[in-house]
N, C-alpha and C. Protein backbone atom coordinates (compact mmCIF):
# COMPACT_ATOMS: atom_id res chain seq x y z
N MET A 1 -168.84 138.90 173.61
CA MET A 1 -168.40 138.81 174.99
C MET A 1 -166.93 138.41 175.04
N GLY A 2 -166.20 138.88 176.03
CA GLY A 2 -164.81 138.54 176.17
C GLY A 2 -164.61 137.09 176.55
N GLU A 3 -163.41 136.56 176.25
CA GLU A 3 -163.12 135.16 176.51
C GLU A 3 -163.22 134.83 178.00
N ASN A 4 -162.69 135.68 178.86
CA ASN A 4 -162.74 135.42 180.30
C ASN A 4 -164.17 135.41 180.81
N TYR A 5 -164.98 136.29 180.25
CA TYR A 5 -166.39 136.36 180.64
C TYR A 5 -167.08 135.04 180.30
N GLN A 6 -166.89 134.58 179.06
CA GLN A 6 -167.52 133.34 178.62
C GLN A 6 -167.05 132.16 179.44
N GLU A 7 -165.79 132.13 179.79
CA GLU A 7 -165.23 131.03 180.57
C GLU A 7 -165.90 130.95 181.95
N LYS A 8 -166.16 132.10 182.51
CA LYS A 8 -166.70 132.14 183.87
C LYS A 8 -168.17 131.70 183.93
N ILE A 9 -168.92 131.94 182.88
CA ILE A 9 -170.35 131.64 182.94
C ILE A 9 -170.75 130.36 182.22
N LYS A 10 -169.80 129.70 181.55
CA LYS A 10 -170.20 128.61 180.66
C LYS A 10 -170.84 127.42 181.36
N ASP A 11 -170.46 127.12 182.61
CA ASP A 11 -171.07 125.96 183.28
C ASP A 11 -172.20 126.34 184.21
N GLY A 12 -172.57 127.63 184.23
CA GLY A 12 -173.72 128.06 185.00
C GLY A 12 -173.46 128.33 186.47
N ARG A 13 -172.22 128.17 186.92
CA ARG A 13 -171.91 128.46 188.32
C ARG A 13 -171.79 129.96 188.58
N TYR A 14 -171.71 130.71 187.49
CA TYR A 14 -171.77 132.16 187.55
C TYR A 14 -172.78 132.62 186.51
N LEU A 15 -173.50 133.68 186.80
CA LEU A 15 -174.49 134.22 185.88
C LEU A 15 -174.36 135.75 185.84
N PRO A 16 -174.62 136.36 184.68
CA PRO A 16 -174.58 137.82 184.59
C PRO A 16 -175.84 138.42 185.21
N LEU A 17 -175.88 138.45 186.51
CA LEU A 17 -177.07 138.88 187.23
C LEU A 17 -177.27 140.38 187.10
N MET A 18 -178.42 140.76 186.59
CA MET A 18 -178.75 142.17 186.47
C MET A 18 -179.40 142.68 187.76
N GLU A 19 -180.35 141.90 188.26
CA GLU A 19 -181.01 142.25 189.52
C GLU A 19 -181.73 141.03 190.07
N ASP A 20 -181.95 141.03 191.37
CA ASP A 20 -182.73 139.97 192.01
C ASP A 20 -183.49 140.60 193.17
N PHE A 21 -184.72 140.16 193.36
CA PHE A 21 -185.57 140.77 194.37
C PHE A 21 -186.77 139.87 194.66
N TYR A 22 -187.32 140.02 195.83
CA TYR A 22 -188.51 139.29 196.26
C TYR A 22 -189.72 140.17 196.01
N THR A 23 -190.73 139.65 195.31
CA THR A 23 -191.86 140.49 194.93
C THR A 23 -193.10 139.63 194.65
N ILE A 24 -194.07 140.23 193.97
CA ILE A 24 -195.29 139.54 193.56
C ILE A 24 -195.29 139.41 192.04
N GLN A 25 -195.54 138.20 191.55
CA GLN A 25 -195.66 138.02 190.10
C GLN A 25 -196.79 138.87 189.57
N GLY A 26 -196.50 139.65 188.55
CA GLY A 26 -197.50 140.59 188.05
C GLY A 26 -198.17 140.20 186.75
N GLU A 27 -197.71 139.12 186.11
CA GLU A 27 -198.21 138.80 184.77
C GLU A 27 -198.60 137.33 184.65
N GLY A 28 -199.50 137.06 183.72
CA GLY A 28 -199.80 135.69 183.32
C GLY A 28 -200.50 134.84 184.36
N TYR A 29 -200.32 133.54 184.23
CA TYR A 29 -201.06 132.56 185.01
C TYR A 29 -200.85 132.70 186.52
N HIS A 30 -199.65 133.05 186.93
CA HIS A 30 -199.32 133.11 188.35
C HIS A 30 -199.41 134.51 188.94
N THR A 31 -200.14 135.38 188.29
CA THR A 31 -200.32 136.74 188.80
C THR A 31 -200.80 136.72 190.25
N GLY A 32 -200.17 137.56 191.07
CA GLY A 32 -200.58 137.70 192.45
C GLY A 32 -199.83 136.81 193.43
N LYS A 33 -198.98 135.91 192.92
CA LYS A 33 -198.24 135.00 193.80
C LYS A 33 -196.85 135.56 194.11
N ALA A 34 -196.41 135.36 195.33
CA ALA A 34 -195.08 135.81 195.73
C ALA A 34 -194.00 134.91 195.13
N ALA A 35 -192.89 135.51 194.75
CA ALA A 35 -191.77 134.74 194.21
C ALA A 35 -190.51 135.59 194.24
N TYR A 36 -189.38 134.92 194.24
CA TYR A 36 -188.09 135.61 194.14
C TYR A 36 -187.75 135.72 192.65
N PHE A 37 -187.45 136.92 192.20
CA PHE A 37 -187.17 137.15 190.78
C PHE A 37 -185.68 137.28 190.54
N ILE A 38 -185.22 136.61 189.48
CA ILE A 38 -183.85 136.70 189.01
C ILE A 38 -183.89 137.24 187.59
N ARG A 39 -183.29 138.39 187.38
CA ARG A 39 -183.21 138.94 186.02
C ARG A 39 -181.77 138.81 185.53
N ILE A 40 -181.59 138.02 184.47
CA ILE A 40 -180.26 137.78 183.92
C ILE A 40 -180.02 138.73 182.76
N GLY A 41 -178.85 139.36 182.74
CA GLY A 41 -178.51 140.30 181.68
C GLY A 41 -178.14 139.58 180.39
N GLY A 42 -178.41 140.26 179.28
CA GLY A 42 -178.06 139.72 177.97
C GLY A 42 -179.29 139.33 177.16
N CYS A 43 -179.46 139.96 176.01
CA CYS A 43 -180.55 139.60 175.11
C CYS A 43 -180.25 140.18 173.73
N ASP A 44 -180.42 139.36 172.69
CA ASP A 44 -180.24 139.86 171.33
C ASP A 44 -181.51 139.72 170.50
N VAL A 45 -182.64 139.52 171.18
CA VAL A 45 -183.92 139.42 170.48
C VAL A 45 -184.33 140.77 169.94
N GLY A 46 -184.11 141.83 170.72
CA GLY A 46 -184.23 143.20 170.22
C GLY A 46 -185.63 143.73 169.98
N CYS A 47 -186.54 143.54 170.92
CA CYS A 47 -187.89 144.10 170.77
C CYS A 47 -187.82 145.63 170.87
N SER A 48 -188.40 146.31 169.90
CA SER A 48 -188.32 147.78 169.87
C SER A 48 -189.01 148.40 171.08
N TRP A 49 -190.01 147.73 171.61
CA TRP A 49 -190.79 148.27 172.72
C TRP A 49 -190.34 147.75 174.09
N CYS A 50 -189.24 146.99 174.12
CA CYS A 50 -188.76 146.39 175.37
C CYS A 50 -188.62 147.43 176.47
N ASP A 51 -189.12 147.11 177.68
CA ASP A 51 -189.03 148.04 178.80
C ASP A 51 -187.82 147.74 179.69
N THR A 52 -186.97 146.79 179.25
CA THR A 52 -185.73 146.52 179.98
C THR A 52 -184.55 146.49 179.00
N LYS A 53 -184.48 147.48 178.12
CA LYS A 53 -183.40 147.51 177.14
C LYS A 53 -182.02 147.59 177.81
N PHE A 54 -181.99 148.12 179.02
CA PHE A 54 -180.72 148.19 179.74
C PHE A 54 -180.18 146.80 180.09
N SER A 55 -180.99 145.77 179.90
CA SER A 55 -180.55 144.40 180.19
C SER A 55 -179.85 143.76 178.99
N TRP A 56 -179.90 144.37 177.82
CA TRP A 56 -179.45 143.71 176.60
C TRP A 56 -177.97 143.37 176.60
N ASN A 57 -177.14 144.28 177.09
CA ASN A 57 -175.70 144.08 177.06
C ASN A 57 -175.24 143.35 178.33
N ALA A 58 -174.98 142.06 178.21
CA ALA A 58 -174.61 141.25 179.37
C ALA A 58 -173.30 141.71 180.01
N LEU A 59 -172.43 142.32 179.22
CA LEU A 59 -171.13 142.73 179.75
C LEU A 59 -171.25 143.83 180.79
N LYS A 60 -172.40 144.46 180.87
CA LYS A 60 -172.62 145.48 181.90
C LYS A 60 -172.82 144.86 183.28
N PHE A 61 -173.01 143.55 183.31
CA PHE A 61 -173.37 142.88 184.55
C PHE A 61 -172.33 141.80 184.87
N PRO A 62 -171.37 142.11 185.72
CA PRO A 62 -170.32 141.16 186.07
C PRO A 62 -170.89 139.85 186.59
N PRO A 63 -170.29 138.73 186.24
CA PRO A 63 -170.79 137.43 186.69
C PRO A 63 -170.86 137.34 188.23
N VAL A 64 -171.98 136.83 188.70
CA VAL A 64 -172.21 136.64 190.14
C VAL A 64 -172.31 135.14 190.39
N ALA A 65 -171.73 134.68 191.47
CA ALA A 65 -171.76 133.25 191.80
C ALA A 65 -173.20 132.79 192.02
N SER A 66 -173.61 131.76 191.30
CA SER A 66 -174.96 131.23 191.44
C SER A 66 -175.26 130.82 192.87
N ASP A 67 -174.26 130.27 193.57
CA ASP A 67 -174.47 129.82 194.95
C ASP A 67 -174.86 130.97 195.87
N GLU A 68 -174.32 132.15 195.60
CA GLU A 68 -174.66 133.31 196.42
C GLU A 68 -176.11 133.73 196.21
N VAL A 69 -176.57 133.64 194.98
CA VAL A 69 -177.97 133.97 194.69
C VAL A 69 -178.89 132.93 195.30
N ILE A 70 -178.52 131.68 195.19
CA ILE A 70 -179.32 130.58 195.74
C ILE A 70 -179.50 130.73 197.25
N LYS A 71 -178.45 131.16 197.94
CA LYS A 71 -178.54 131.36 199.39
C LYS A 71 -179.66 132.33 199.74
N LYS A 72 -179.81 133.37 198.95
CA LYS A 72 -180.87 134.35 199.21
C LYS A 72 -182.25 133.78 198.89
N ILE A 73 -182.33 133.02 197.81
CA ILE A 73 -183.62 132.47 197.38
C ILE A 73 -184.20 131.53 198.43
N ILE A 74 -183.35 130.67 198.99
CA ILE A 74 -183.88 129.64 199.90
C ILE A 74 -184.32 130.21 201.24
N THR A 75 -184.04 131.48 201.51
CA THR A 75 -184.52 132.09 202.75
C THR A 75 -185.91 132.70 202.60
N CYS A 76 -186.43 132.77 201.37
CA CYS A 76 -187.71 133.43 201.13
C CYS A 76 -188.89 132.52 201.46
N PRO A 77 -189.93 133.07 202.05
CA PRO A 77 -191.10 132.28 202.41
C PRO A 77 -191.79 131.62 201.22
N ALA A 78 -191.72 132.24 200.04
CA ALA A 78 -192.50 131.75 198.91
C ALA A 78 -191.99 130.42 198.35
N ARG A 79 -190.71 130.13 198.52
CA ARG A 79 -190.12 128.89 198.00
C ARG A 79 -190.33 128.75 196.50
N ALA A 80 -190.26 129.86 195.79
CA ALA A 80 -190.44 129.86 194.34
C ALA A 80 -189.55 130.94 193.73
N VAL A 81 -189.00 130.64 192.56
CA VAL A 81 -188.15 131.60 191.87
C VAL A 81 -188.59 131.73 190.42
N VAL A 82 -188.60 132.97 189.92
CA VAL A 82 -188.89 133.25 188.51
C VAL A 82 -187.61 133.76 187.88
N VAL A 83 -187.16 133.09 186.82
CA VAL A 83 -185.96 133.50 186.10
C VAL A 83 -186.38 134.16 184.79
N THR A 84 -185.94 135.41 184.62
CA THR A 84 -186.33 136.17 183.43
C THR A 84 -185.10 136.95 182.95
N GLY A 85 -185.30 137.90 182.07
CA GLY A 85 -184.15 138.61 181.51
C GLY A 85 -184.53 139.99 181.03
N GLY A 86 -183.77 140.43 180.05
CA GLY A 86 -182.90 139.69 179.16
C GLY A 86 -183.54 138.41 178.62
N GLU A 87 -182.67 137.51 178.16
CA GLU A 87 -183.13 136.22 177.65
C GLU A 87 -182.38 135.10 178.36
N PRO A 88 -183.02 134.47 179.35
CA PRO A 88 -182.35 133.47 180.17
C PRO A 88 -181.89 132.23 179.41
N SER A 89 -182.52 131.92 178.27
CA SER A 89 -182.12 130.71 177.55
C SER A 89 -180.77 130.84 176.86
N MET A 90 -180.15 132.02 176.95
CA MET A 90 -178.81 132.19 176.42
C MET A 90 -177.76 131.54 177.31
N TYR A 91 -178.17 131.10 178.50
CA TYR A 91 -177.21 130.62 179.49
C TYR A 91 -177.51 129.19 179.93
N ASN A 92 -176.48 128.55 180.45
CA ASN A 92 -176.61 127.20 181.01
C ASN A 92 -177.20 127.32 182.42
N LEU A 93 -178.42 126.86 182.58
CA LEU A 93 -179.11 126.99 183.86
C LEU A 93 -179.29 125.65 184.57
N ASP A 94 -178.56 124.63 184.11
CA ASP A 94 -178.67 123.31 184.73
C ASP A 94 -178.22 123.33 186.19
N TYR A 95 -177.05 123.89 186.45
CA TYR A 95 -176.55 123.91 187.82
C TYR A 95 -177.46 124.73 188.73
N PHE A 96 -177.84 125.89 188.27
CA PHE A 96 -178.67 126.80 189.07
C PHE A 96 -179.97 126.12 189.49
N THR A 97 -180.67 125.52 188.54
CA THR A 97 -181.96 124.90 188.87
C THR A 97 -181.79 123.62 189.67
N SER A 98 -180.72 122.85 189.42
CA SER A 98 -180.54 121.61 190.18
C SER A 98 -180.29 121.91 191.65
N GLU A 99 -179.56 122.99 191.94
CA GLU A 99 -179.33 123.37 193.33
C GLU A 99 -180.61 123.87 193.99
N LEU A 100 -181.42 124.57 193.23
CA LEU A 100 -182.71 125.02 193.77
C LEU A 100 -183.62 123.83 194.08
N LYS A 101 -183.62 122.85 193.19
CA LYS A 101 -184.44 121.66 193.39
C LYS A 101 -184.02 120.90 194.65
N LYS A 102 -182.72 120.88 194.91
CA LYS A 102 -182.23 120.21 196.13
C LYS A 102 -182.80 120.87 197.39
N ASN A 103 -183.19 122.12 197.25
CA ASN A 103 -183.74 122.87 198.38
C ASN A 103 -185.26 123.05 198.28
N ASN A 104 -185.88 122.24 197.42
CA ASN A 104 -187.35 122.22 197.27
C ASN A 104 -187.92 123.58 196.87
N ILE A 105 -187.21 124.26 195.96
CA ILE A 105 -187.67 125.53 195.42
C ILE A 105 -188.34 125.28 194.08
N GLN A 106 -189.54 125.81 193.89
CA GLN A 106 -190.19 125.72 192.59
C GLN A 106 -189.50 126.66 191.61
N THR A 107 -189.35 126.21 190.37
CA THR A 107 -188.63 126.99 189.37
C THR A 107 -189.54 127.38 188.21
N PHE A 108 -189.53 128.65 187.89
CA PHE A 108 -190.35 129.20 186.81
C PHE A 108 -189.42 130.00 185.89
N VAL A 109 -189.65 129.93 184.59
CA VAL A 109 -188.83 130.70 183.66
C VAL A 109 -189.71 131.40 182.64
N GLU A 110 -189.26 132.58 182.23
CA GLU A 110 -189.93 133.34 181.17
C GLU A 110 -188.93 133.52 180.04
N THR A 111 -189.27 132.99 178.87
CA THR A 111 -188.33 132.97 177.76
C THR A 111 -189.02 133.22 176.43
N SER A 112 -188.26 133.76 175.49
CA SER A 112 -188.76 133.93 174.12
C SER A 112 -188.63 132.63 173.34
N GLY A 113 -187.85 131.69 173.88
CA GLY A 113 -187.65 130.42 173.20
C GLY A 113 -186.67 130.50 172.03
N ALA A 114 -185.93 131.59 171.95
CA ALA A 114 -185.03 131.79 170.81
C ALA A 114 -183.80 130.90 170.86
N TYR A 115 -183.48 130.37 172.05
CA TYR A 115 -182.32 129.50 172.23
C TYR A 115 -182.76 128.21 172.90
N PRO A 116 -181.95 127.15 172.81
CA PRO A 116 -182.28 125.92 173.54
C PRO A 116 -182.34 126.21 175.04
N LEU A 117 -183.37 125.70 175.69
CA LEU A 117 -183.57 125.99 177.11
C LEU A 117 -182.98 124.89 177.97
N SER A 118 -182.05 125.26 178.84
CA SER A 118 -181.48 124.32 179.80
C SER A 118 -182.19 124.50 181.15
N GLY A 119 -181.90 123.60 182.07
CA GLY A 119 -182.48 123.73 183.40
C GLY A 119 -183.70 122.84 183.61
N ALA A 120 -184.05 122.66 184.89
CA ALA A 120 -185.22 121.87 185.28
C ALA A 120 -186.30 122.84 185.77
N TRP A 121 -187.46 122.83 185.10
CA TRP A 121 -188.47 123.86 185.34
C TRP A 121 -189.82 123.26 185.72
N ASP A 122 -190.45 123.88 186.72
CA ASP A 122 -191.82 123.52 187.07
C ASP A 122 -192.82 124.24 186.19
N TRP A 123 -192.41 125.37 185.63
CA TRP A 123 -193.33 126.15 184.80
C TRP A 123 -192.52 126.93 183.75
N ILE A 124 -192.91 126.77 182.49
CA ILE A 124 -192.25 127.49 181.40
C ILE A 124 -193.25 128.43 180.75
N CYS A 125 -192.96 129.72 180.84
CA CYS A 125 -193.77 130.73 180.17
C CYS A 125 -193.05 131.11 178.89
N LEU A 126 -193.66 130.81 177.76
CA LEU A 126 -193.09 131.14 176.45
C LEU A 126 -193.73 132.43 175.95
N SER A 127 -192.86 133.43 175.68
CA SER A 127 -193.34 134.70 175.15
C SER A 127 -192.64 134.95 173.81
N PRO A 128 -193.21 134.44 172.72
CA PRO A 128 -192.54 134.46 171.41
C PRO A 128 -192.45 135.85 170.80
N LYS A 129 -191.35 136.08 170.08
CA LYS A 129 -191.12 137.36 169.42
C LYS A 129 -190.93 137.14 167.92
N LYS A 130 -191.58 137.97 167.11
CA LYS A 130 -191.55 137.79 165.66
C LYS A 130 -190.14 137.82 165.08
N GLN A 131 -189.33 138.76 165.56
CA GLN A 131 -188.02 138.97 164.96
C GLN A 131 -187.02 137.87 165.29
N SER A 132 -187.34 137.03 166.27
CA SER A 132 -186.48 135.91 166.64
C SER A 132 -187.37 134.78 167.16
N PRO A 133 -188.05 134.08 166.27
CA PRO A 133 -189.07 133.11 166.65
C PRO A 133 -188.53 131.97 167.53
N PRO A 134 -189.42 131.35 168.29
CA PRO A 134 -188.99 130.25 169.16
C PRO A 134 -188.49 129.05 168.38
N ARG A 135 -187.58 128.30 168.99
CA ARG A 135 -187.17 127.01 168.46
C ARG A 135 -188.33 126.03 168.60
N LYS A 136 -188.47 125.14 167.65
CA LYS A 136 -189.67 124.30 167.61
C LYS A 136 -189.83 123.41 168.84
N GLU A 137 -188.70 123.03 169.48
CA GLU A 137 -188.82 122.09 170.59
C GLU A 137 -189.41 122.70 171.85
N ILE A 138 -189.45 124.02 171.94
CA ILE A 138 -189.96 124.66 173.16
C ILE A 138 -191.49 124.61 173.24
N PHE A 139 -192.15 124.51 172.10
CA PHE A 139 -193.61 124.61 172.09
C PHE A 139 -194.27 123.48 172.90
N SER A 140 -193.78 122.27 172.77
CA SER A 140 -194.40 121.15 173.48
C SER A 140 -194.15 121.22 174.98
N ARG A 141 -193.15 122.00 175.40
CA ARG A 141 -192.80 122.11 176.82
C ARG A 141 -193.49 123.29 177.51
N ALA A 142 -194.02 124.21 176.75
CA ALA A 142 -194.57 125.43 177.33
C ALA A 142 -195.83 125.15 178.15
N ASP A 143 -195.86 125.68 179.38
CA ASP A 143 -197.04 125.61 180.22
C ASP A 143 -197.94 126.81 179.98
N GLU A 144 -197.34 127.87 179.48
CA GLU A 144 -198.05 129.13 179.30
C GLU A 144 -197.51 129.84 178.06
N LEU A 145 -198.40 130.30 177.21
CA LEU A 145 -198.03 131.10 176.05
C LEU A 145 -198.52 132.52 176.30
N LYS A 146 -197.59 133.46 176.38
CA LYS A 146 -197.94 134.85 176.67
C LYS A 146 -197.45 135.71 175.52
N VAL A 147 -198.38 136.21 174.73
CA VAL A 147 -198.03 136.98 173.54
C VAL A 147 -198.28 138.46 173.82
N ILE A 148 -197.26 139.27 173.58
CA ILE A 148 -197.38 140.71 173.78
C ILE A 148 -198.04 141.32 172.55
N ILE A 149 -199.09 142.09 172.78
CA ILE A 149 -199.83 142.73 171.68
C ILE A 149 -199.46 144.20 171.63
N HIS A 150 -198.74 144.56 170.58
CA HIS A 150 -198.31 145.95 170.37
C HIS A 150 -199.11 146.60 169.25
N GLU A 151 -199.53 145.79 168.28
CA GLU A 151 -200.31 146.28 167.15
C GLU A 151 -201.23 145.16 166.68
N ASP A 152 -202.18 145.50 165.81
CA ASP A 152 -203.21 144.53 165.42
C ASP A 152 -202.63 143.26 164.78
N SER A 153 -201.52 143.38 164.07
CA SER A 153 -200.94 142.21 163.41
C SER A 153 -200.45 141.17 164.41
N ASP A 154 -200.28 141.57 165.67
CA ASP A 154 -199.80 140.63 166.68
C ASP A 154 -200.84 139.57 167.04
N PHE A 155 -202.10 139.83 166.75
CA PHE A 155 -203.12 138.82 167.02
C PHE A 155 -202.89 137.59 166.13
N ALA A 156 -202.54 137.82 164.87
CA ALA A 156 -202.27 136.71 163.96
C ALA A 156 -201.02 135.95 164.41
N TRP A 157 -200.02 136.66 164.92
CA TRP A 157 -198.82 136.04 165.45
C TRP A 157 -199.16 135.17 166.66
N ALA A 158 -200.07 135.65 167.48
CA ALA A 158 -200.51 134.88 168.64
C ALA A 158 -201.17 133.57 168.21
N GLU A 159 -202.04 133.64 167.23
CA GLU A 159 -202.73 132.44 166.76
C GLU A 159 -201.76 131.45 166.12
N GLU A 160 -200.78 131.97 165.41
CA GLU A 160 -199.78 131.11 164.78
C GLU A 160 -199.03 130.29 165.83
N ASN A 161 -198.69 130.91 166.93
CA ASN A 161 -197.97 130.21 167.99
C ASN A 161 -198.88 129.30 168.80
N ALA A 162 -200.13 129.70 168.96
CA ALA A 162 -201.08 128.89 169.73
C ALA A 162 -201.32 127.54 169.08
N LYS A 163 -201.17 127.46 167.76
CA LYS A 163 -201.36 126.21 167.05
C LYS A 163 -200.24 125.21 167.34
N LYS A 164 -199.12 125.68 167.88
CA LYS A 164 -197.94 124.84 168.06
C LYS A 164 -197.76 124.31 169.48
N VAL A 165 -198.44 124.93 170.46
CA VAL A 165 -198.27 124.49 171.85
C VAL A 165 -199.16 123.30 172.15
N ASN A 166 -198.91 122.65 173.29
CA ASN A 166 -199.73 121.50 173.67
C ASN A 166 -201.11 121.95 174.15
N ASN A 167 -202.04 121.01 174.23
CA ASN A 167 -203.43 121.35 174.54
C ASN A 167 -203.64 121.89 175.95
N SER A 168 -202.74 121.58 176.85
CA SER A 168 -202.89 122.05 178.23
C SER A 168 -202.26 123.42 178.47
N CYS A 169 -201.57 123.96 177.49
CA CYS A 169 -200.89 125.24 177.63
C CYS A 169 -201.90 126.37 177.80
N LYS A 170 -201.67 127.24 178.79
CA LYS A 170 -202.54 128.38 179.04
C LYS A 170 -202.20 129.51 178.07
N LEU A 171 -203.21 130.15 177.50
CA LEU A 171 -203.00 131.16 176.47
C LEU A 171 -203.32 132.56 176.99
N TYR A 172 -202.37 133.48 176.82
CA TYR A 172 -202.54 134.86 177.30
C TYR A 172 -202.16 135.88 176.24
N LEU A 173 -202.96 136.93 176.20
CA LEU A 173 -202.65 138.11 175.39
C LEU A 173 -202.39 139.26 176.36
N GLN A 174 -201.27 139.94 176.19
CA GLN A 174 -200.88 141.00 177.12
C GLN A 174 -200.57 142.28 176.36
N PRO A 175 -201.21 143.38 176.70
CA PRO A 175 -200.92 144.64 176.01
C PRO A 175 -199.51 145.13 176.31
N GLU A 176 -198.81 145.58 175.28
CA GLU A 176 -197.52 146.22 175.49
C GLU A 176 -197.77 147.52 176.24
N TRP A 177 -197.02 147.77 177.28
CA TRP A 177 -197.32 148.81 178.25
C TRP A 177 -197.51 150.19 177.63
N SER A 178 -196.67 150.56 176.68
CA SER A 178 -196.72 151.93 176.15
C SER A 178 -197.96 152.20 175.31
N VAL A 179 -198.61 151.13 174.81
CA VAL A 179 -199.82 151.32 173.99
C VAL A 179 -201.04 150.71 174.66
N ALA A 180 -200.91 150.30 175.91
CA ALA A 180 -202.01 149.62 176.60
C ALA A 180 -203.33 150.39 176.56
N PRO A 181 -203.34 151.71 176.80
CA PRO A 181 -204.62 152.43 176.78
C PRO A 181 -205.34 152.33 175.43
N LYS A 182 -204.57 152.21 174.35
CA LYS A 182 -205.18 152.15 173.02
C LYS A 182 -205.62 150.75 172.63
N ILE A 183 -204.87 149.74 173.07
CA ILE A 183 -205.09 148.41 172.53
C ILE A 183 -205.82 147.47 173.47
N ILE A 184 -205.98 147.85 174.73
CA ILE A 184 -206.60 146.94 175.69
C ILE A 184 -208.03 146.60 175.31
N SER A 185 -208.78 147.55 174.75
CA SER A 185 -210.17 147.27 174.37
C SER A 185 -210.24 146.22 173.26
N ARG A 186 -209.25 146.24 172.35
CA ARG A 186 -209.22 145.25 171.28
C ARG A 186 -208.88 143.86 171.82
N ILE A 187 -208.01 143.84 172.82
CA ILE A 187 -207.68 142.55 173.44
C ILE A 187 -208.89 141.99 174.17
N VAL A 188 -209.59 142.84 174.89
CA VAL A 188 -210.80 142.42 175.61
C VAL A 188 -211.83 141.85 174.63
N ASP A 189 -212.07 142.55 173.54
CA ASP A 189 -213.02 142.07 172.52
C ASP A 189 -212.58 140.73 171.95
N TYR A 190 -211.29 140.61 171.71
CA TYR A 190 -210.75 139.38 171.11
C TYR A 190 -210.96 138.19 172.03
N VAL A 191 -210.69 138.38 173.32
CA VAL A 191 -210.84 137.29 174.28
C VAL A 191 -212.31 136.94 174.50
N MET A 192 -213.16 137.92 174.45
CA MET A 192 -214.59 137.65 174.61
C MET A 192 -215.12 136.83 173.43
N LYS A 193 -214.55 137.04 172.24
CA LYS A 193 -214.96 136.27 171.06
C LYS A 193 -214.30 134.89 171.05
N ASP A 194 -213.12 134.79 171.63
CA ASP A 194 -212.41 133.52 171.67
C ASP A 194 -211.89 133.29 173.09
N PRO A 195 -212.75 132.74 173.97
CA PRO A 195 -212.39 132.58 175.38
C PRO A 195 -211.34 131.52 175.66
N GLY A 196 -210.77 130.95 174.62
CA GLY A 196 -209.62 130.08 174.82
C GLY A 196 -208.41 130.90 175.26
N TRP A 197 -208.47 132.19 174.96
CA TRP A 197 -207.43 133.12 175.39
C TRP A 197 -207.82 133.79 176.70
N ASN A 198 -206.83 134.27 177.42
CA ASN A 198 -207.03 135.05 178.64
C ASN A 198 -206.28 136.37 178.50
N VAL A 199 -206.70 137.36 179.29
CA VAL A 199 -206.01 138.65 179.31
C VAL A 199 -204.97 138.65 180.42
N SER A 200 -203.76 139.07 180.09
CA SER A 200 -202.72 139.28 181.08
C SER A 200 -202.38 140.76 181.13
N LEU A 201 -202.22 141.29 182.32
CA LEU A 201 -201.83 142.68 182.50
C LEU A 201 -200.55 142.75 183.32
N GLN A 202 -199.78 143.78 183.14
CA GLN A 202 -198.59 143.98 183.98
C GLN A 202 -199.05 144.63 185.29
N SER A 203 -199.69 143.81 186.11
CA SER A 203 -200.33 144.33 187.32
C SER A 203 -199.33 144.89 188.32
N HIS A 204 -198.08 144.42 188.25
CA HIS A 204 -197.06 144.95 189.17
C HIS A 204 -196.80 146.43 188.93
N LYS A 205 -197.01 146.87 187.67
CA LYS A 205 -196.82 148.29 187.38
C LYS A 205 -197.95 149.11 187.99
N TYR A 206 -199.14 148.56 188.01
CA TYR A 206 -200.26 149.25 188.67
C TYR A 206 -200.06 149.27 190.19
N MET A 207 -199.45 148.20 190.71
CA MET A 207 -199.18 148.12 192.15
C MET A 207 -197.94 148.90 192.55
N ARG A 208 -197.19 149.35 191.54
CA ARG A 208 -195.95 150.11 191.76
C ARG A 208 -194.93 149.33 192.59
N ILE A 209 -194.77 148.08 192.16
CA ILE A 209 -193.74 147.22 192.74
C ILE A 209 -192.86 146.71 191.62
N PRO A 210 -191.65 146.20 191.92
CA PRO A 210 -190.76 145.70 190.87
C PRO A 210 -191.37 144.56 190.08
């Protein structure tokens, strides 16, 4: 990233906003709930099956003033925001979340845990990736562990991470969208044999909403 770009975003008062919109949460524990979504550009985790690869290069998304985004969030009836990416933990989110808290907005984040996580969060969804594993300190903070299942070996990866989270953390297995028709039956069988896990689906795609 260029020096001017880094200078502008370093304290979190500006963020490389890719998109923001009001919608229904489609995945995991909070499926079906309304929330304002913030997608931050920039990610170097590099999942081959990622459905938002256009978010990887943060330089494509000029920094937007956090205060301008916050103004839109606080007008929404849901009073909740989900911050995702890209990889949001690449950025300083202390200012952004502190301003939201001042306005009684619930804060939710979806992260791979590959970087130290800043910000004040009501809910942390950890979605670990093999090629860039989570930092150890994120496991005790995770409220939800959501593992994407692309192939059979991912079940072992899910179990490896499940051993590291706290006992109250909700456990989810989610089929990777492009192989969902092939792998969903294996996920269903797995959860039926081990009901400590739950099935997560990208229900927003079935609803044809963002």
